[in-house]
Every structure is written in structure tokens, then in C-alpha cells.
Amino acid sequence: MTVLGLAVRNGSTPLDNWFRRFDDSPARYLLFFTDPWVLTLATLFGVAVAVHLHRNRLAVAMVISPLVGVALAQLCKRLIDRRSGGEYAYPSGHTTTAVVVLGMLVLLAGAAWWAVLAAAAASLFAMIGQGVTYHYFTDTVGAVLLGSAVVCAAAAAIRLDTRQPDCDADHTAG
């Protein structure tokens, strides 16, 4: 993520320019996937389900992880110092948050194939929505990398691999 940020910090790339051509297209409606209200409701839904399933560590991580993602995105914005319209751009905070929320929902679903596929599609839509409007597309790529790292760190922090029913955490069962 840092390498990409440093590589693109001085302005737009041909990929960014290609996406910017669609700023007045219906693709801008894909901002729905990064809307703070939508992400808040998705998080609250996930927390409620996790609490109902007695997965309290996951519920706490679902609340904390998006906040960590936003804080890290803001820190990275200042360190990378890529600007778009005078504002810090890299990585996209909205896309980072969307990826974190979606990733935590995938963990809640036990990484079921349908959850992974739905989260991947929604993340791509979030990237496109931000990439054709407020951000360079490469800002959203960095956000996906950062958001994915936050989800992985959250899964490790709550020791998710050892909390699954009948989990063979040390892989000794053969």
C-alpha cells in the first residue's frame, strides 16, 4: 500500500484518468456502497448478529475495526500527501471503511463463499463509485489494501482461527 502511495503521490495516472471520464455517468450512484449511513447500518446489523450468536469478541472487533481503518487512512493521507482538489486523497477513507465493514461481515459469515463473493462485488462497486467521483481510482486500490490489512489484523487479534467450533487450531488432526 505504501509503495503504491509513493508511486502515485504526484498526481493522476492513466488508469485514474480513464475512470475520471465517467464522473457524470450512472457509476456515481455506486457511492451508495461507501455511504456512511449504509456502512453504519451494516455494522450495527453485524454486531447484533454477532452478539446473538455469542461471538462477543467479533462484535467488539466489528465496532473497533472501522474506526481503526479510518484513523490509519487519515494517518496515511498525511504521510503520502497525495492531493485531489486540494484535499488529501490517498488512500480513500470511505473505501477503506467499506472494505473493513464488508470484511468483518465476511468473518461473521465464517468466510462462506457467498459472503466473500458479495463482499468482493460490493468492494469493487465502492471502488468504482469513489474512483469516478471524489478520488483517483488508485486511491481506492490503496484503500482496499489497507482495509484488508485491518480485517486480517482484527481476525488475528480476536484469535478468530481458534474460536471456531471444532477448530483444529494447531492442525494436528490430519
C-alpha atoms as a PDB file:
ATOM      1  CA  MET A   1       0.000   0.000   0.000  1.00  0.00           C
ATOM      2  CA  THR A   2       2.801   2.384   0.911  1.00  0.00           C
ATOM      3  CA  VAL A   3       4.748   1.591  -2.263  1.00  0.00           C
ATOM      4  CA  LEU A   4       1.664   2.294  -4.385  1.00  0.00           C
ATOM      5  CA  GLY A   5       1.016   5.522  -2.484  1.00  0.00           C
ATOM      6  CA  LEU A   6       4.544   6.755  -3.029  1.00  0.00           C
ATOM      7  CA  ALA A   7       4.381   5.776  -6.706  1.00  0.00           C
ATOM      8  CA  VAL A   8       1.182   7.767  -7.352  1.00  0.00           C
ATOM      9  CA  ARG A   9       1.606  10.644  -4.906  1.00  0.00           C
ATOM     10  CA  ASN A  10       2.485  13.238  -7.552  1.00  0.00           C
ATOM     11  CA  GLY A  11      -0.795  13.185  -9.441  1.00  0.00           C
ATOM     12  CA  SER A  12      -3.073  11.289 -11.731  1.00  0.00           C
ATOM     13  CA  THR A  13      -2.185   8.108 -13.607  1.00  0.00           C
ATOM     14  CA  PRO A  14      -3.582   6.905 -16.952  1.00  0.00           C
ATOM     15  CA  LEU A  15      -5.793   4.480 -15.007  1.00  0.00           C
ATOM     16  CA  ASP A  16      -7.104   7.323 -12.847  1.00  0.00           C
ATOM     17  CA  ASN A  17      -7.781   9.416 -15.943  1.00  0.00           C
ATOM     18  CA  TRP A  18      -9.714   6.566 -17.550  1.00  0.00           C
ATOM     19  CA  PHE A  19     -12.025   6.287 -14.540  1.00  0.00           C
ATOM     20  CA  ARG A  20     -12.489  10.059 -14.287  1.00  0.00           C
ATOM     21  CA  ARG A  21     -14.092  10.037 -17.751  1.00  0.00           C
ATOM     22  CA  PHE A  22     -17.166   8.501 -16.108  1.00  0.00           C
ATOM     23  CA  ASP A  23     -17.732  11.161 -13.443  1.00  0.00           C
ATOM     24  CA  ASP A  24     -21.133  12.134 -14.867  1.00  0.00           C
ATOM     25  CA  SER A  25     -22.234   8.580 -15.596  1.00  0.00           C
ATOM     26  CA  PRO A  26     -24.592   6.406 -13.555  1.00  0.00           C
ATOM     27  CA  ALA A  27     -21.449   4.891 -11.983  1.00  0.00           C
ATOM     28  CA  ARG A  28     -21.562   7.756  -9.487  1.00  0.00           C
ATOM     29  CA  TYR A  29     -24.578   6.058  -7.889  1.00  0.00           C
ATOM     30  CA  LEU A  30     -22.183   3.353  -6.713  1.00  0.00           C
ATOM     31  CA  LEU A  31     -21.245   5.805  -3.955  1.00  0.00           C
ATOM     32  CA  PHE A  32     -24.104   4.061  -2.139  1.00  0.00           C
ATOM     33  CA  PHE A  33     -21.589   1.385  -1.141  1.00  0.00           C
ATOM     34  CA  THR A  34     -19.471   3.951   0.720  1.00  0.00           C
ATOM     35  CA  ASP A  35     -22.301   5.956   2.255  1.00  0.00           C
ATOM     36  CA  PRO A  36     -21.618   6.398   5.986  1.00  0.00           C
ATOM     37  CA  TRP A  37     -25.240   5.629   6.905  1.00  0.00           C
ATOM     38  CA  VAL A  38     -25.229   2.415   4.899  1.00  0.00           C
ATOM     39  CA  LEU A  39     -21.931   1.342   6.468  1.00  0.00           C
ATOM     40  CA  THR A  40     -23.168   2.226   9.955  1.00  0.00           C
ATOM     41  CA  LEU A  41     -26.353   0.196   9.485  1.00  0.00           C
ATOM     42  CA  ALA A  42     -24.361  -2.747   8.095  1.00  0.00           C
ATOM     43  CA  THR A  43     -22.035  -2.587  11.092  1.00  0.00           C
ATOM     44  CA  LEU A  44     -24.925  -2.427  13.573  1.00  0.00           C
ATOM     45  CA  PHE A  45     -26.591  -5.381  11.857  1.00  0.00           C
ATOM     46  CA  GLY A  46     -23.353  -7.363  12.036  1.00  0.00           C
ATOM     47  CA  VAL A  47     -22.822  -6.501  15.692  1.00  0.00           C
ATOM     48  CA  ALA A  48     -26.393  -7.540  16.544  1.00  0.00           C
ATOM     49  CA  VAL A  49     -25.951 -10.889  14.791  1.00  0.00           C
ATOM     50  CA  ALA A  50     -22.558 -11.477  16.414  1.00  0.00           C
ATOM     51  CA  VAL A  51     -23.974 -10.738  19.882  1.00  0.00           C
ATOM     52  CA  HIS A  52     -26.955 -13.008  19.190  1.00  0.00           C
ATOM     53  CA  LEU A  53     -24.516 -15.790  18.251  1.00  0.00           C
ATOM     54  CA  HIS A  54     -22.483 -15.114  21.414  1.00  0.00           C
ATOM     55  CA  ARG A  55     -19.465 -14.097  19.332  1.00  0.00           C
ATOM     56  CA  ASN A  56     -18.700 -11.144  21.564  1.00  0.00           C
ATOM     57  CA  ARG A  57     -15.057 -10.688  20.565  1.00  0.00           C
ATOM     58  CA  LEU A  58     -16.114 -10.458  16.946  1.00  0.00           C
ATOM     59  CA  ALA A  59     -18.865  -7.978  17.879  1.00  0.00           C
ATOM     60  CA  VAL A  60     -16.324  -5.739  19.607  1.00  0.00           C
ATOM     61  CA  ALA A  61     -13.935  -6.048  16.660  1.00  0.00           C
ATOM     62  CA  MET A  62     -16.760  -5.109  14.293  1.00  0.00           C
ATOM     63  CA  VAL A  63     -17.165  -1.823  16.164  1.00  0.00           C
ATOM     64  CA  ILE A  64     -13.470  -1.036  16.617  1.00  0.00           C
ATOM     65  CA  SER A  65     -12.078  -2.103  13.228  1.00  0.00           C
ATOM     66  CA  PRO A  66     -13.788   0.559  11.069  1.00  0.00           C
ATOM     67  CA  LEU A  67     -12.565   3.234  13.488  1.00  0.00           C
ATOM     68  CA  VAL A  68      -9.026   1.861  13.255  1.00  0.00           C
ATOM     69  CA  GLY A  69      -9.341   1.818   9.457  1.00  0.00           C
ATOM     70  CA  VAL A  70     -10.434   5.465   9.366  1.00  0.00           C
ATOM     71  CA  ALA A  71      -7.623   6.510  11.721  1.00  0.00           C
ATOM     72  CA  LEU A  72      -4.999   4.664   9.677  1.00  0.00           C
ATOM     73  CA  ALA A  73      -6.368   6.092   6.422  1.00  0.00           C
ATOM     74  CA  GLN A  74      -6.127   9.614   7.852  1.00  0.00           C
ATOM     75  CA  LEU A  75      -2.565   8.974   9.022  1.00  0.00           C
ATOM     76  CA  CYS A  76      -1.584   7.569   5.619  1.00  0.00           C
ATOM     77  CA  LYS A  77      -3.189  10.539   3.842  1.00  0.00           C
ATOM     78  CA  ARG A  78      -0.892  12.902   5.706  1.00  0.00           C
ATOM     79  CA  LEU A  79       2.194  10.749   5.230  1.00  0.00           C
ATOM     80  CA  ILE A  80       1.644  10.156   1.497  1.00  0.00           C
ATOM     81  CA  ASP A  81       0.339  13.711   0.881  1.00  0.00           C
ATOM     82  CA  ARG A  82      -1.417  12.999  -2.403  1.00  0.00           C
ATOM     83  CA  ARG A  83      -3.991  15.678  -3.141  1.00  0.00           C
ATOM     84  CA  SER A  84      -7.133  15.824  -5.225  1.00  0.00           C
ATOM     85  CA  GLY A  85      -8.972  19.124  -5.355  1.00  0.00           C
ATOM     86  CA  GLY A  86      -6.770  20.411  -2.549  1.00  0.00           C
ATOM     87  CA  GLU A  87      -7.791  17.602  -0.174  1.00  0.00           C
ATOM     88  CA  TYR A  88      -5.812  14.591   0.990  1.00  0.00           C
ATOM     89  CA  ALA A  89      -6.682  11.689  -1.274  1.00  0.00           C
ATOM     90  CA  TYR A  90      -4.609   8.523  -0.725  1.00  0.00           C
ATOM     91  CA  PRO A  91      -5.966   6.171   0.465  1.00  0.00           C
ATOM     92  CA  SER A  92      -9.706   6.705   0.240  1.00  0.00           C
ATOM     93  CA  GLY A  93     -11.137   6.700   3.754  1.00  0.00           C
ATOM     94  CA  HIS A  94     -14.645   5.882   2.563  1.00  0.00           C
ATOM     95  CA  THR A  95     -13.402   2.888   0.583  1.00  0.00           C
ATOM     96  CA  THR A  96     -11.200   1.754   3.472  1.00  0.00           C
ATOM     97  CA  THR A  97     -14.213   1.827   5.780  1.00  0.00           C
ATOM     98  CA  ALA A  98     -16.397  -0.049   3.292  1.00  0.00           C
ATOM     99  CA  VAL A  99     -13.783  -2.784   2.870  1.00  0.00           C
ATOM    100  CA  VAL A 100     -13.356  -3.125   6.639  1.00  0.00           C
ATOM    101  CA  VAL A 101     -17.104  -3.339   7.281  1.00  0.00           C
ATOM    102  CA  LEU A 102     -17.579  -5.837   4.460  1.00  0.00           C
ATOM    103  CA  GLY A 103     -14.579  -7.874   5.567  1.00  0.00           C
ATOM    104  CA  MET A 104     -15.859  -8.080   9.121  1.00  0.00           C
ATOM    105  CA  LEU A 105     -19.231  -9.272   7.794  1.00  0.00           C
ATOM    106  CA  VAL A 106     -17.385 -11.976   5.852  1.00  0.00           C
ATOM    107  CA  LEU A 107     -15.729 -13.088   9.092  1.00  0.00           C
ATOM    108  CA  LEU A 108     -19.145 -13.143  10.755  1.00  0.00           C
ATOM    109  CA  ALA A 109     -20.408 -15.410   7.958  1.00  0.00           C
ATOM    110  CA  GLY A 110     -17.489 -17.778   8.506  1.00  0.00           C
ATOM    111  CA  ALA A 111     -15.872 -16.774   5.210  1.00  0.00           C
ATOM    112  CA  ALA A 112     -18.607 -18.583   3.292  1.00  0.00           C
ATOM    113  CA  TRP A 113     -18.110 -18.409  -0.462  1.00  0.00           C
ATOM    114  CA  TRP A 114     -21.275 -16.364  -0.974  1.00  0.00           C
ATOM    115  CA  ALA A 115     -20.158 -13.809   1.623  1.00  0.00           C
ATOM    116  CA  VAL A 116     -16.713 -13.500   0.056  1.00  0.00           C
ATOM    117  CA  LEU A 117     -18.253 -13.068  -3.399  1.00  0.00           C
ATOM    118  CA  ALA A 118     -20.799 -10.490  -2.192  1.00  0.00           C
ATOM    119  CA  ALA A 119     -18.137  -8.524  -0.292  1.00  0.00           C
ATOM    120  CA  ALA A 120     -15.782  -8.583  -3.275  1.00  0.00           C
ATOM    121  CA  ALA A 121     -18.533  -7.274  -5.566  1.00  0.00           C
ATOM    122  CA  ALA A 122     -19.596  -4.568  -3.100  1.00  0.00           C
ATOM    123  CA  SER A 123     -15.946  -3.549  -2.600  1.00  0.00           C
ATOM    124  CA  LEU A 124     -15.479  -3.252  -6.352  1.00  0.00           C
ATOM    125  CA  PHE A 125     -18.626  -1.128  -6.608  1.00  0.00           C
ATOM    126  CA  ALA A 126     -17.331   1.061  -3.770  1.00  0.00           C
ATOM    127  CA  MET A 127     -14.017   1.477  -5.591  1.00  0.00           C
ATOM    128  CA  ILE A 128     -15.725   2.466  -8.817  1.00  0.00           C
ATOM    129  CA  GLY A 129     -18.106   4.885  -7.082  1.00  0.00           C
ATOM    130  CA  GLN A 130     -15.267   6.717  -5.355  1.00  0.00           C
ATOM    131  CA  GLY A 131     -12.902   6.352  -8.330  1.00  0.00           C
ATOM    132  CA  VAL A 132     -15.220   8.142 -10.749  1.00  0.00           C
ATOM    133  CA  THR A 133     -16.155  10.946  -8.353  1.00  0.00           C
ATOM    134  CA  TYR A 134     -14.114  12.111  -5.373  1.00  0.00           C
ATOM    135  CA  HIS A 135     -10.917  10.080  -5.630  1.00  0.00           C
ATOM    136  CA  TYR A 136      -8.335   8.873  -8.051  1.00  0.00           C
ATOM    137  CA  PHE A 137      -9.041   5.200  -8.719  1.00  0.00           C
ATOM    138  CA  THR A 138      -5.606   4.294  -7.388  1.00  0.00           C
ATOM    139  CA  ASP A 139      -6.660   5.859  -4.058  1.00  0.00           C
ATOM    140  CA  THR A 140      -9.311   3.168  -3.845  1.00  0.00           C
ATOM    141  CA  VAL A 141      -6.802   0.416  -4.644  1.00  0.00           C
ATOM    142  CA  GLY A 142      -4.692   1.587  -1.710  1.00  0.00           C
ATOM    143  CA  ALA A 143      -7.830   1.661   0.427  1.00  0.00           C
ATOM    144  CA  VAL A 144      -8.626  -1.962  -0.398  1.00  0.00           C
ATOM    145  CA  LEU A 145      -5.108  -2.954   0.619  1.00  0.00           C
ATOM    146  CA  LEU A 146      -5.347  -1.006   3.883  1.00  0.00           C
ATOM    147  CA  GLY A 147      -8.863  -2.223   4.677  1.00  0.00           C
ATOM    148  CA  SER A 148      -7.884  -5.834   4.018  1.00  0.00           C
ATOM    149  CA  ALA A 149      -4.909  -5.480   6.355  1.00  0.00           C
ATOM    150  CA  VAL A 150      -7.163  -4.092   9.095  1.00  0.00           C
ATOM    151  CA  VAL A 151      -9.562  -7.037   8.737  1.00  0.00           C
ATOM    152  CA  CYS A 152      -6.682  -9.528   8.873  1.00  0.00           C
ATOM    153  CA  ALA A 153      -5.279  -7.805  11.959  1.00  0.00           C
ATOM    154  CA  ALA A 154      -8.712  -7.882  13.604  1.00  0.00           C
ATOM    155  CA  ALA A 155      -9.115 -11.599  12.877  1.00  0.00           C
ATOM    156  CA  ALA A 156      -5.695 -12.273  14.384  1.00  0.00           C
ATOM    157  CA  ALA A 157      -6.319 -10.016  17.391  1.00  0.00           C
ATOM    158  CA  ILE A 158      -9.504 -11.817  18.390  1.00  0.00           C
ATOM    159  CA  ARG A 159      -7.873 -15.182  17.687  1.00  0.00           C
ATOM    160  CA  LEU A 160     -10.674 -15.995  15.280  1.00  0.00           C
ATOM    161  CA  ASP A 161      -8.977 -19.141  13.983  1.00  0.00           C
ATOM    162  CA  THR A 162      -9.086 -20.715  17.450  1.00  0.00           C
ATOM    163  CA  ARG A 163     -12.630 -19.644  18.278  1.00  0.00           C
ATOM    164  CA  GLN A 164     -14.440 -21.618  15.594  1.00  0.00           C
ATOM    165  CA  PRO A 165     -16.495 -24.636  16.711  1.00  0.00           C
ATOM    166  CA  ASP A 166     -14.466 -27.846  16.400  1.00  0.00           C
ATOM    167  CA  CYS A 167     -11.498 -25.883  15.083  1.00  0.00           C
ATOM    168  CA  ASP A 168      -8.189 -27.738  14.847  1.00  0.00           C
ATOM    169  CA  ALA A 169      -6.092 -24.635  15.539  1.00  0.00           C
ATOM    170  CA  ASP A 170      -2.750 -26.440  15.646  1.00  0.00           C
ATOM    171  CA  HIS A 171      -3.641 -28.621  12.621  1.00  0.00           C
ATOM    172  CA  THR A 172      -2.836 -31.917  14.332  1.00  0.00           C
ATOM    173  CA  ALA A 173      -5.984 -33.815  13.388  1.00  0.00           C
ATOM    174  CA  GLY A 174      -4.619 -34.753   9.995  1.00  0.00           C
END
